[in-house]
Amino acid sequence: MKPGARPSFGVAKPMTGGDQGGKSDDAPKGGDQFPPLPGADGAPDGSETASVNAAANPNANGTDDALSRLADRANQVHEPSEIGGFEASIHKIKEQVLPRLLERVDPEAAATLSKDELSEEFRPIIMEVLAELKVTLNRREQFALEKVLIDELLGFGPLEELLTDPDVSDIMVNGPQQTYIEKGGKLQLAPIQFRDEQHLFQIAQRIVNQVGRRVDQTTPLADARLKDGSRVNVIVPPLSLKGTAISIRKFSEKPITLDMLKDFGSMSDKMCTALKIAGASRMNIVISGGTGSGKTTMLNALSKMIDPGERVLTIEDAAELRLQQPHWLPLETRPPNLEGQGAITIGDLVKNALRMRPDRIILGEIRGAECFDLLAAMNTGHDGSMCTLHANSPRECLGRMENMILMGDIKIPKEAISRQIAESVDIIVQVKRLRDGSRRTTDITEVIGMEGDVIVTQNLFKFEYLDESEDGKILGEFRASGLRPYTLEKARQYGFDQAYLEACL
């Protein structure tokens, strides 16, 4: 073919039809090049047409399917949810019984009793109130009513049922009439409702008051935690337009280990080995990912590899980390008081932690200028420090760390910040929550150093997306890059160099 000439896409056939070229009248009109349209004289039946079209355009079926799914979604109508049946009847009876019950009970005395003791004390009083109201219940309804009333007086009302369900990982309350939960990575509507906005607001206040925080119109945002370590965020009107919103991230009561994450399919066997060695060899690790991707779970799992003889300090806004070490001291920030005074930030706690003889400093999540304090800790003899932050990829993670330091009042050039990050951070672990609800460790990346004013990294492991199964599960494989790890020297100091090299190659 001559340079600059257009490529040929085949030779066009002459338009033959009718009795041209010696063909009979039975030949389909339009010739061989253009087969007749369905429904025309001599046209083949539907099945043959479909096969012809499929052969001509193999992507047609996939495109049609995608367009039909888009049309279904566009035409979908969402009806408001109504709770009926057994739960609704118990809810109505509770509304009648609760005011009369409160008249007969001393709240201060009730608060000193456990749930089981209170249940025993309440049973005859509830029966008395039901007799007054002329309501007859069977045994199942009595037990359900008792539980609902105890939850209302001592627990968190309708939320108690969801908090005790081990399959529920997230609870999202969007006002009194709508609550969603996450089960198996998928969101679904929960069969609970609150009495009204005031009822929901009281539950929110009860949650945050447990940890010495408050939520009201002057302080409409609050971060808190439950006794089991579950993270709670509360936002109230006027900032939330549908009423009080409560978001609860539950954590497993059983400590999660790296081996368990491997068994769940979150990482491969070699990745698991490499992360164990990184944790045991006191490498500085940053765990990066989006909301709900499993950053805190990964940090808890990595903490299992810390030597029991090391002193570990954790610093968080709301203490969520559940480290599996004997010598562990958790620290928590403090919000300002009503006058706006007395706030203790993560940066303040990091500076103070340096005077507490820590072997490792672990930050639950960095969001601002405290990133510089963490890098200072990593660079001043506290190897093995870890933190989490929000980012979509290891490269974005480094960019976010630079930006967070620049957000502060520190007047140093960007090149110096980049060099500090490159010298401090050893490993970036990227975790993602995929669209099928599964959580995967998608990248394990080393920070090598600086080349000019750019931070140089190399991937040790990567998750490669391959396909999607018929039931919507994402299929892929974890691949090692086969590169010699730059952090091998740190692993050698602890006698793990050979195992680390074999895991990465």
Protein backbone atom coordinates (compact mmCIF):
# COMPACT_ATOMS: atom_id res chain seq x y z
CA MET A 1 0.00 0.00 0.00
CA LYS A 2 1.32 3.47 -0.88
CA PRO A 3 2.20 5.83 1.98
CA GLY A 4 -0.77 8.05 2.84
CA ALA A 5 -3.21 5.84 0.95
CA ARG A 6 -6.47 4.91 2.67
CA PRO A 7 -6.69 1.28 3.82
CA SER A 8 -9.06 -0.91 1.86
CA PHE A 9 -11.93 -2.47 3.78
CA GLY A 10 -12.83 -5.15 1.22
CA VAL A 11 -14.22 -5.02 -2.30
CA ALA A 12 -17.88 -4.02 -2.78
CA LYS A 13 -20.04 -6.55 -4.63
CA PRO A 14 -22.20 -5.41 -7.58
CA MET A 15 -25.88 -4.88 -6.68
CA THR A 16 -27.44 -7.88 -8.34
CA GLY A 17 -31.15 -8.59 -8.04
CA GLY A 18 -34.22 -9.90 -9.91
CA ASP A 19 -33.30 -12.06 -12.94
CA GLN A 20 -29.92 -10.38 -13.47
CA GLY A 21 -26.95 -12.67 -13.86
CA GLY A 22 -29.18 -15.61 -14.84
CA LYS A 23 -30.88 -15.84 -11.41
CA SER A 24 -34.46 -17.05 -11.18
CA ASP A 25 -37.44 -14.98 -10.09
CA ASP A 26 -37.45 -16.86 -6.77
CA ALA A 27 -34.24 -15.10 -5.71
CA PRO A 28 -34.79 -12.56 -2.92
CA LYS A 29 -35.03 -8.95 -4.04
CA GLY A 30 -32.05 -6.74 -3.27
CA GLY A 31 -29.35 -9.24 -4.19
CA ASP A 32 -26.79 -11.03 -2.04
CA GLN A 33 -25.26 -7.90 -0.64
CA PHE A 34 -28.45 -6.59 1.00
CA PRO A 35 -30.68 -9.36 2.42
CA PRO A 36 -34.40 -8.46 2.51
CA LEU A 37 -35.93 -6.90 5.62
CA PRO A 38 -38.05 -9.06 7.95
CA GLY A 39 -41.68 -9.18 6.81
CA ALA A 40 -40.86 -8.52 3.16
CA ASP A 41 -41.67 -11.07 0.45
CA GLY A 42 -39.28 -13.96 0.62
CA ALA A 43 -37.86 -12.79 3.92
CA PRO A 44 -36.56 -15.45 6.26
CA ASP A 45 -38.37 -16.07 9.55
CA GLY A 46 -37.44 -14.29 12.80
CA SER A 47 -34.94 -16.84 14.04
CA GLU A 48 -32.89 -16.69 10.86
CA THR A 49 -33.00 -12.88 10.93
CA ALA A 50 -31.81 -12.85 14.50
CA SER A 51 -28.91 -15.13 13.66
CA VAL A 52 -27.97 -13.00 10.64
CA ASN A 53 -28.05 -9.81 12.76
CA ALA A 54 -26.11 -11.48 15.57
CA ALA A 55 -23.45 -12.60 13.12
CA ALA A 56 -23.27 -9.14 11.58
CA ASN A 57 -23.10 -7.36 14.96
CA PRO A 58 -22.01 -9.60 17.81
CA ASN A 59 -22.37 -6.73 20.36
CA ALA A 60 -26.01 -6.04 19.47
CA ASN A 61 -27.47 -8.29 22.16
CA GLY A 62 -25.26 -6.81 24.85
CA THR A 63 -26.14 -3.27 23.77
CA ASP A 64 -29.86 -4.04 23.72
CA ASP A 65 -29.64 -5.58 27.16
CA ALA A 66 -27.79 -2.55 28.54
CA LEU A 67 -30.29 -0.12 27.00
CA SER A 68 -33.24 -2.08 28.38
CA ARG A 69 -31.71 -1.99 31.87
CA LEU A 70 -31.20 1.77 31.56
CA ALA A 71 -34.85 2.19 30.46
CA ASP A 72 -36.04 0.09 33.43
CA ARG A 73 -34.07 2.23 35.83
CA ALA A 74 -35.33 5.48 34.27
CA ASN A 75 -38.97 4.34 34.55
CA GLN A 76 -38.66 2.94 38.07
CA VAL A 77 -41.13 4.28 40.64
CA HIS A 78 -40.19 4.19 44.33
CA GLU A 79 -43.13 3.81 46.69
CA PRO A 80 -42.76 5.00 50.30
CA SER A 81 -42.22 2.05 52.63
CA GLU A 82 -44.80 1.07 55.23
CA ILE A 83 -44.13 -1.33 58.08
CA GLY A 84 -47.04 -3.67 58.67
CA GLY A 85 -47.93 -6.98 60.23
CA PHE A 86 -46.52 -8.15 63.55
CA GLU A 87 -44.02 -5.27 64.05
CA ALA A 88 -46.71 -2.65 63.42
CA SER A 89 -49.12 -4.20 65.96
CA ILE A 90 -46.39 -4.42 68.66
CA HIS A 91 -45.41 -0.81 67.89
CA LYS A 92 -49.02 0.38 68.43
CA ILE A 93 -49.36 -1.49 71.73
CA LYS A 94 -45.98 -0.11 72.89
CA GLU A 95 -47.23 3.45 72.30
CA GLN A 96 -50.17 2.76 74.62
CA VAL A 97 -48.21 0.91 77.30
CA LEU A 98 -45.07 3.10 77.55
CA PRO A 99 -46.63 6.27 79.13
CA ARG A 100 -48.45 4.20 81.79
CA LEU A 101 -45.31 2.17 82.44
CA LEU A 102 -43.23 5.31 83.03
CA GLU A 103 -45.76 6.50 85.64
CA ARG A 104 -45.12 3.34 87.68
CA VAL A 105 -41.30 3.18 87.35
CA ASP A 106 -38.52 5.19 89.00
CA PRO A 107 -36.13 5.99 86.08
CA GLU A 108 -33.08 6.39 88.38
CA ALA A 109 -33.65 2.99 89.99
CA ALA A 110 -34.28 1.38 86.58
CA ALA A 111 -30.99 2.76 85.22
CA THR A 112 -29.03 0.80 87.86
CA LEU A 113 -30.45 -2.56 86.75
CA SER A 114 -29.26 -4.76 83.89
CA LYS A 115 -31.57 -5.58 81.00
CA ASP A 116 -32.36 -9.06 82.37
CA GLU A 117 -33.11 -7.74 85.86
CA LEU A 118 -35.24 -4.96 84.44
CA SER A 119 -37.13 -7.47 82.32
CA GLU A 120 -38.03 -9.50 85.43
CA GLU A 121 -39.15 -6.36 87.28
CA PHE A 122 -41.20 -5.08 84.37
CA ARG A 123 -43.06 -8.28 83.52
CA PRO A 124 -45.79 -7.99 86.23
CA ILE A 125 -46.13 -4.22 85.67
CA ILE A 126 -46.59 -4.72 81.91
CA MET A 127 -49.26 -7.37 82.57
CA GLU A 128 -51.02 -4.95 84.90
CA VAL A 129 -51.00 -2.17 82.29
CA LEU A 130 -52.25 -4.54 79.57
CA ALA A 131 -55.13 -5.61 81.87
CA GLU A 132 -56.05 -1.95 82.37
CA LEU A 133 -56.03 -1.38 78.60
CA LYS A 134 -57.99 -4.63 78.11
CA VAL A 135 -55.39 -5.91 75.65
CA THR A 136 -54.78 -9.66 75.42
CA LEU A 137 -51.45 -10.91 74.03
CA ASN A 138 -50.08 -14.37 73.36
CA ARG A 139 -46.67 -15.42 74.71
CA ARG A 140 -44.74 -14.43 71.57
CA GLU A 141 -46.32 -10.95 71.57
CA GLN A 142 -45.57 -10.52 75.29
CA PHE A 143 -41.86 -11.29 74.78
CA ALA A 144 -41.70 -8.95 71.76
CA LEU A 145 -43.40 -6.15 73.73
CA GLU A 146 -41.06 -6.61 76.71
CA LYS A 147 -38.00 -6.44 74.45
CA VAL A 148 -39.23 -3.30 72.68
CA LEU A 149 -39.99 -1.55 75.98
CA ILE A 150 -36.61 -2.47 77.53
CA ASP A 151 -34.79 -1.29 74.38
CA GLU A 152 -36.75 1.96 74.56
CA LEU A 153 -35.87 2.63 78.20
CA LEU A 154 -32.28 1.37 78.44
CA GLY A 155 -31.02 0.84 74.89
CA PHE A 156 -31.27 2.65 71.58
CA GLY A 157 -34.90 1.87 70.79
CA PRO A 158 -35.54 0.37 67.33
CA LEU A 159 -31.78 0.37 66.59
CA GLU A 160 -31.14 -2.37 69.18
CA GLU A 161 -32.53 -5.04 66.87
CA LEU A 162 -30.11 -4.03 64.10
CA LEU A 163 -27.12 -3.62 66.42
CA THR A 164 -27.47 -7.20 67.67
CA ASP A 165 -27.74 -8.66 64.15
CA PRO A 166 -24.23 -9.96 63.23
CA ASP A 167 -25.01 -9.86 59.48
CA VAL A 168 -25.61 -6.08 59.49
CA SER A 169 -22.40 -4.11 58.82
CA ASP A 170 -23.82 -0.59 58.35
CA ILE A 171 -26.93 1.19 59.66
CA MET A 172 -28.08 4.42 57.99
CA VAL A 173 -31.03 6.28 59.55
CA ASN A 174 -32.44 8.95 57.21
CA GLY A 175 -35.05 10.59 59.44
CA PRO A 176 -37.66 8.79 61.56
CA GLN A 177 -39.44 6.97 58.70
CA GLN A 178 -36.54 5.50 56.71
CA THR A 179 -33.63 3.28 57.78
CA TYR A 180 -31.29 1.37 55.47
CA ILE A 181 -28.86 -1.39 56.39
CA GLU A 182 -25.98 -3.09 54.59
CA LYS A 183 -25.95 -6.89 54.46
CA GLY A 184 -23.42 -8.81 52.40
CA GLY A 185 -22.20 -5.59 50.79
CA LYS A 186 -25.69 -4.61 49.52
CA LEU A 187 -28.05 -1.92 50.83
CA GLN A 188 -31.62 -2.81 51.78
CA LEU A 189 -34.50 -1.18 53.65
CA ALA A 190 -34.74 -2.12 57.34
CA PRO A 191 -38.11 -3.08 58.90
CA ILE A 192 -37.95 -0.39 61.62
CA GLN A 193 -39.32 3.11 62.11
CA PHE A 194 -39.13 5.68 64.87
CA ARG A 195 -42.15 7.22 66.56
CA ASP A 196 -41.35 10.74 65.38
CA GLU A 197 -38.44 13.15 64.99
CA GLN A 198 -38.27 13.83 68.73
CA HIS A 199 -37.97 10.10 69.46
CA LEU A 200 -35.09 9.74 66.97
CA PHE A 201 -33.36 12.85 68.32
CA GLN A 202 -33.50 11.45 71.88
CA ILE A 203 -31.87 8.20 70.69
CA ALA A 204 -29.12 10.22 68.94
CA GLN A 205 -28.47 12.23 72.11
CA ARG A 206 -28.30 9.04 74.18
CA ILE A 207 -25.63 7.64 71.85
CA VAL A 208 -23.35 10.70 71.85
CA ASN A 209 -23.80 11.44 75.58
CA GLN A 210 -22.27 8.05 76.38
CA VAL A 211 -18.86 9.29 75.19
CA GLY A 212 -19.12 12.79 76.66
CA ARG A 213 -20.14 14.53 73.43
CA ARG A 214 -23.27 16.45 72.58
CA VAL A 215 -25.49 17.11 69.59
CA ASP A 216 -28.04 19.93 69.32
CA GLN A 217 -28.82 22.92 67.10
CA THR A 218 -25.67 24.75 68.17
CA THR A 219 -23.52 21.64 67.57
CA PRO A 220 -25.42 19.80 64.82
CA LEU A 221 -22.54 17.39 63.96
CA ALA A 222 -21.09 14.74 66.23
CA ASP A 223 -18.76 11.73 65.98
CA ALA A 224 -19.10 9.07 68.65
CA ARG A 225 -18.65 5.35 69.26
CA LEU A 226 -20.65 2.57 70.87
CA LYS A 227 -19.33 0.30 73.63
CA ASP A 228 -18.41 -2.40 71.10
CA GLY A 229 -16.29 0.09 69.13
CA SER A 230 -18.82 0.74 66.34
CA ARG A 231 -18.39 4.19 64.78
CA VAL A 232 -21.32 6.62 64.90
CA ASN A 233 -21.89 9.88 63.05
CA VAL A 234 -24.90 12.07 63.86
CA ILE A 235 -26.16 15.10 61.94
CA VAL A 236 -29.34 16.90 63.00
CA PRO A 237 -31.58 19.66 61.58
CA PRO A 238 -31.17 22.33 60.31
CA LEU A 239 -28.24 20.70 58.46
CA SER A 240 -30.18 17.48 57.75
CA LEU A 241 -33.41 18.32 55.95
CA LYS A 242 -35.17 14.95 56.45
CA GLY A 243 -34.67 14.93 60.21
CA THR A 244 -31.93 13.52 62.40
CA ALA A 245 -29.55 11.24 60.45
CA ILE A 246 -27.49 8.55 62.19
CA SER A 247 -24.78 6.53 60.41
CA ILE A 248 -23.35 3.53 62.29
CA ARG A 249 -20.40 1.49 61.02
CA LYS A 250 -20.35 -1.78 62.93
CA PHE A 251 -17.16 -3.72 63.54
CA SER A 252 -16.84 -7.45 64.00
CA GLU A 253 -16.68 -8.63 67.61
CA LYS A 254 -14.21 -11.30 66.55
CA PRO A 255 -10.79 -9.78 65.70
CA ILE A 256 -10.07 -9.90 61.96
CA THR A 257 -6.66 -11.23 60.93
CA LEU A 258 -4.79 -11.10 57.61
CA ASP A 259 -5.39 -14.84 57.17
CA MET A 260 -9.14 -14.27 57.52
CA LEU A 261 -9.00 -11.50 54.88
CA LYS A 262 -7.15 -13.92 52.59
CA ASP A 263 -9.85 -16.56 53.15
CA PHE A 264 -12.54 -13.96 52.37
CA GLY A 265 -10.88 -13.43 48.96
CA SER A 266 -9.63 -9.93 49.78
CA MET A 267 -6.03 -10.81 48.88
CA SER A 268 -3.87 -13.68 47.65
CA ASP A 269 -1.66 -15.94 49.74
CA LYS A 270 1.52 -14.13 48.62
CA MET A 271 0.02 -10.70 49.38
CA CYS A 272 -0.94 -11.93 52.84
CA THR A 273 2.64 -13.10 53.48
CA ALA A 274 4.10 -9.79 52.22
CA LEU A 275 1.80 -7.73 54.49
CA LYS A 276 2.62 -9.93 57.51
CA ILE A 277 6.33 -9.31 56.91
CA ALA A 278 5.74 -5.56 56.37
CA GLY A 279 3.93 -5.34 59.72
CA ALA A 280 6.51 -7.44 61.60
CA SER A 281 9.51 -5.63 60.01
CA ARG A 282 8.31 -2.21 61.25
CA MET A 283 7.74 -0.71 57.83
CA ASN A 284 5.82 2.59 57.77
CA ILE A 285 2.48 1.74 56.16
CA VAL A 286 -0.28 3.99 54.80
CA ILE A 287 -3.65 2.32 54.10
CA SER A 288 -5.58 4.15 51.40
CA GLY A 289 -9.16 3.66 50.21
CA GLY A 290 -12.66 5.03 49.91
CA THR A 291 -15.50 5.14 52.42
CA GLY A 292 -16.44 1.66 53.65
CA SER A 293 -13.61 -0.03 51.75
CA GLY A 294 -12.16 -1.70 54.85
CA LYS A 295 -9.27 0.60 55.83
CA THR A 296 -9.84 0.28 59.59
CA THR A 297 -10.31 -3.49 59.30
CA MET A 298 -7.00 -3.75 57.41
CA LEU A 299 -5.24 -1.61 60.04
CA ASN A 300 -6.60 -3.81 62.84
CA ALA A 301 -5.45 -6.93 60.98
CA LEU A 302 -1.95 -5.52 60.40
CA SER A 303 -1.68 -4.62 64.09
CA LYS A 304 -1.70 -8.35 64.93
CA MET A 305 1.83 -8.52 63.48
CA ILE A 306 3.23 -5.98 65.96
CA ASP A 307 5.64 -7.49 68.50
CA PRO A 308 3.85 -7.86 71.88
CA GLY A 309 6.85 -6.19 73.57
CA GLU A 310 6.32 -2.89 71.73
CA ARG A 311 4.45 0.10 73.20
CA VAL A 312 1.75 1.22 70.74
CA LEU A 313 -0.22 4.49 70.86
CA THR A 314 -3.31 5.00 68.70
CA ILE A 315 -4.69 8.48 68.02
CA GLU A 316 -8.20 9.02 66.59
CA ASP A 317 -11.08 11.46 66.47
CA ALA A 318 -13.47 8.76 67.71
CA ALA A 319 -11.69 5.67 69.02
CA GLU A 320 -12.54 2.77 66.69
CA LEU A 321 -9.33 0.75 66.47
CA ARG A 322 -9.28 -2.53 68.40
CA LEU A 323 -5.61 -3.44 68.47
CA GLN A 324 -4.71 -7.00 69.41
CA GLN A 325 -1.66 -6.10 71.53
CA PRO A 326 -1.13 -6.14 75.31
CA HIS A 327 0.76 -2.82 75.51
CA TRP A 328 -1.65 -0.52 73.70
CA LEU A 329 -2.83 2.93 74.78
CA PRO A 330 -5.69 4.55 72.81
CA LEU A 331 -5.95 8.36 72.70
CA GLU A 332 -8.94 10.37 71.49
CA THR A 333 -9.36 14.00 70.42
CA ARG A 334 -11.72 16.40 72.20
CA PRO A 335 -14.11 18.84 70.46
CA PRO A 336 -14.38 22.49 71.63
CA ASN A 337 -16.82 23.39 74.41
CA LEU A 338 -19.82 25.74 74.10
CA GLU A 339 -17.48 28.78 74.16
CA GLY A 340 -15.38 27.27 71.38
CA GLN A 341 -12.43 26.63 73.72
CA GLY A 342 -10.58 23.56 74.91
CA ALA A 343 -10.35 21.61 71.62
CA ILE A 344 -7.58 18.98 71.46
CA THR A 345 -6.71 18.04 67.86
CA ILE A 346 -4.94 15.01 66.38
CA GLY A 347 -1.86 17.20 65.85
CA ASP A 348 -1.79 18.06 69.58
CA LEU A 349 -2.02 14.38 70.50
CA VAL A 350 0.75 13.38 68.06
CA LYS A 351 3.10 15.97 69.59
CA ASN A 352 2.22 14.75 73.08
CA ALA A 353 2.60 11.08 72.05
CA LEU A 354 6.25 11.71 71.14
CA ARG A 355 6.87 12.37 74.88
CA MET A 356 5.19 9.10 75.93
CA ARG A 357 7.98 6.73 74.81
CA PRO A 358 6.03 5.02 72.01
CA ASP A 359 7.55 2.32 69.79
CA ARG A 360 4.81 2.86 67.19
CA ILE A 361 2.26 5.62 66.61
CA ILE A 362 -0.89 4.63 64.74
CA LEU A 363 -3.35 7.24 63.44
CA GLY A 364 -6.91 6.12 62.75
CA GLU A 365 -7.37 8.59 59.93
CA ILE A 366 -5.53 11.70 58.79
CA ARG A 367 -7.52 14.52 57.21
CA GLY A 368 -5.37 17.63 57.51
CA ALA A 369 -2.12 19.18 58.69
CA GLU A 370 -1.56 16.44 61.30
CA CYS A 371 -0.09 14.47 58.38
CA PHE A 372 3.13 16.45 58.86
CA ASP A 373 3.29 15.43 62.53
CA LEU A 374 2.88 11.78 61.54
CA LEU A 375 5.75 12.05 59.02
CA ALA A 376 7.85 13.64 61.74
CA ALA A 377 7.08 10.68 64.01
CA MET A 378 7.99 8.21 61.25
CA ASN A 379 11.30 10.06 60.74
CA THR A 380 12.25 10.31 64.43
CA GLY A 381 12.77 6.67 65.37
CA HIS A 382 9.17 5.44 65.41
CA ASP A 383 9.43 2.96 62.55
CA GLY A 384 6.36 0.84 62.00
CA SER A 385 3.92 3.72 62.33
CA MET A 386 0.66 3.37 60.37
CA CYS A 387 -2.30 5.48 59.32
CA THR A 388 -5.32 5.48 57.01
CA LEU A 389 -6.54 8.14 54.59
CA HIS A 390 -9.07 8.55 51.80
CA ALA A 391 -7.70 8.19 48.25
CA ASN A 392 -8.53 6.29 45.05
CA SER A 393 -5.05 5.01 44.20
CA PRO A 394 -1.53 4.89 45.66
CA ARG A 395 -0.46 7.80 43.44
CA GLU A 396 -3.44 9.89 44.59
CA CYS A 397 -2.62 8.92 48.17
CA LEU A 398 0.80 10.58 47.90
CA GLY A 399 -0.76 13.66 46.29
CA ARG A 400 -3.32 13.92 49.10
CA MET A 401 -0.58 13.71 51.74
CA GLU A 402 1.23 16.60 50.05
CA ASN A 403 -1.98 18.65 49.87
CA MET A 404 -2.91 17.97 53.50
CA ILE A 405 0.46 19.28 54.70
CA LEU A 406 0.10 22.36 52.46
CA MET A 407 -3.34 22.99 54.07
CA GLY A 408 -1.56 23.72 57.36
CA ASP A 409 0.45 26.76 58.40
CA ILE A 410 3.80 25.11 57.69
CA LYS A 411 5.83 27.34 55.37
CA ILE A 412 8.06 24.88 53.55
CA PRO A 413 8.39 24.31 49.79
CA LYS A 414 6.48 21.49 48.10
CA GLU A 415 9.72 19.74 47.09
CA ALA A 416 10.74 19.45 50.75
CA ILE A 417 7.31 17.98 51.62
CA SER A 418 7.58 15.42 48.81
CA ARG A 419 11.06 14.42 49.98
CA GLN A 420 9.81 14.03 53.56
CA ILE A 421 6.97 11.74 52.36
CA ALA A 422 9.33 9.69 50.16
CA GLU A 423 11.76 9.18 53.06
CA SER A 424 9.04 8.35 55.61
CA VAL A 425 6.51 6.07 53.90
CA ASP A 426 7.56 2.54 52.93
CA ILE A 427 4.35 0.81 51.77
CA ILE A 428 0.94 1.99 50.51
CA VAL A 429 -1.87 -0.59 50.76
CA GLN A 430 -4.84 0.30 48.53
CA VAL A 431 -8.19 -1.24 49.48
CA LYS A 432 -11.39 -0.90 47.44
CA ARG A 433 -15.01 -1.82 47.76
CA LEU A 434 -16.09 -3.12 44.36
CA ARG A 435 -19.55 -2.68 42.92
CA ASP A 436 -20.60 -6.23 43.84
CA GLY A 437 -20.06 -5.34 47.51
CA SER A 438 -16.80 -7.29 47.90
CA ARG A 439 -13.73 -5.63 49.39
CA ARG A 440 -10.35 -6.31 47.78
CA THR A 441 -6.77 -5.24 48.36
CA THR A 442 -6.14 -3.87 44.86
CA ASP A 443 -2.55 -2.58 45.20
CA ILE A 444 0.47 -3.00 47.42
CA THR A 445 2.91 -0.29 46.36
CA GLU A 446 6.40 0.63 47.57
CA VAL A 447 7.64 4.20 47.86
CA ILE A 448 11.20 4.12 46.52
CA GLY A 449 12.38 7.72 46.76
CA MET A 450 12.67 10.90 44.68
CA GLU A 451 13.58 11.40 41.06
CA GLY A 452 13.81 15.14 40.50
CA ASP A 453 10.69 16.53 42.19
CA VAL A 454 8.58 13.38 41.61
CA ILE A 455 8.04 10.60 44.17
CA VAL A 456 8.95 7.26 42.58
CA THR A 457 6.89 4.15 43.40
CA GLN A 458 6.78 0.55 42.24
CA ASN A 459 3.87 -1.90 42.41
CA LEU A 460 4.53 -5.19 44.19
CA PHE A 461 1.00 -6.58 43.75
CA LYS A 462 -2.08 -5.58 41.78
CA PHE A 463 -5.64 -6.90 41.41
CA GLU A 464 -6.55 -7.33 37.73
CA TYR A 465 -10.24 -7.20 36.78
CA LEU A 466 -11.14 -10.00 34.35
CA ASP A 467 -14.90 -10.46 34.06
CA GLU A 468 -18.21 -10.57 35.87
CA SER A 469 -20.13 -13.77 36.67
CA GLU A 470 -23.81 -14.28 35.89
CA ASP A 471 -24.80 -13.55 39.49
CA GLY A 472 -22.96 -10.20 39.40
CA LYS A 473 -19.75 -11.25 41.19
CA ILE A 474 -16.58 -9.59 39.94
CA LEU A 475 -13.90 -12.03 38.79
CA GLY A 476 -10.22 -11.18 38.77
CA GLU A 477 -6.81 -12.29 39.91
CA PHE A 478 -4.06 -10.95 42.13
CA ARG A 479 -0.80 -10.60 40.26
CA ALA A 480 2.70 -10.07 41.60
CA SER A 481 4.82 -7.68 39.55
CA GLY A 482 7.89 -9.92 39.91
CA LEU A 483 10.09 -6.98 40.92
CA ARG A 484 12.74 -7.15 43.64
CA PRO A 485 11.26 -5.18 46.59
CA TYR A 486 13.07 -2.00 47.55
CA THR A 487 12.12 -2.57 51.23
CA LEU A 488 13.99 -5.91 51.28
CA GLU A 489 16.73 -4.41 53.48
CA LYS A 490 14.22 -3.69 56.27
CA ALA A 491 12.91 -7.25 56.05
CA ARG A 492 16.52 -8.56 56.23
CA GLN A 493 17.06 -6.79 59.58
CA TYR A 494 14.32 -9.00 61.05
CA GLY A 495 15.31 -12.19 59.21
CA PHE A 496 12.39 -12.19 56.75
CA ASP A 497 14.31 -11.27 53.57
CA GLN A 498 14.14 -14.68 51.85
CA ALA A 499 10.43 -15.19 52.59
CA TYR A 500 9.67 -11.58 51.50
CA LEU A 501 11.58 -12.01 48.23
CA GLU A 502 9.81 -15.28 47.42
CA ALA A 503 6.38 -13.73 48.14
CA CYS A 504 7.02 -10.76 45.82
CA LEU A 505 8.53 -12.64 42.88
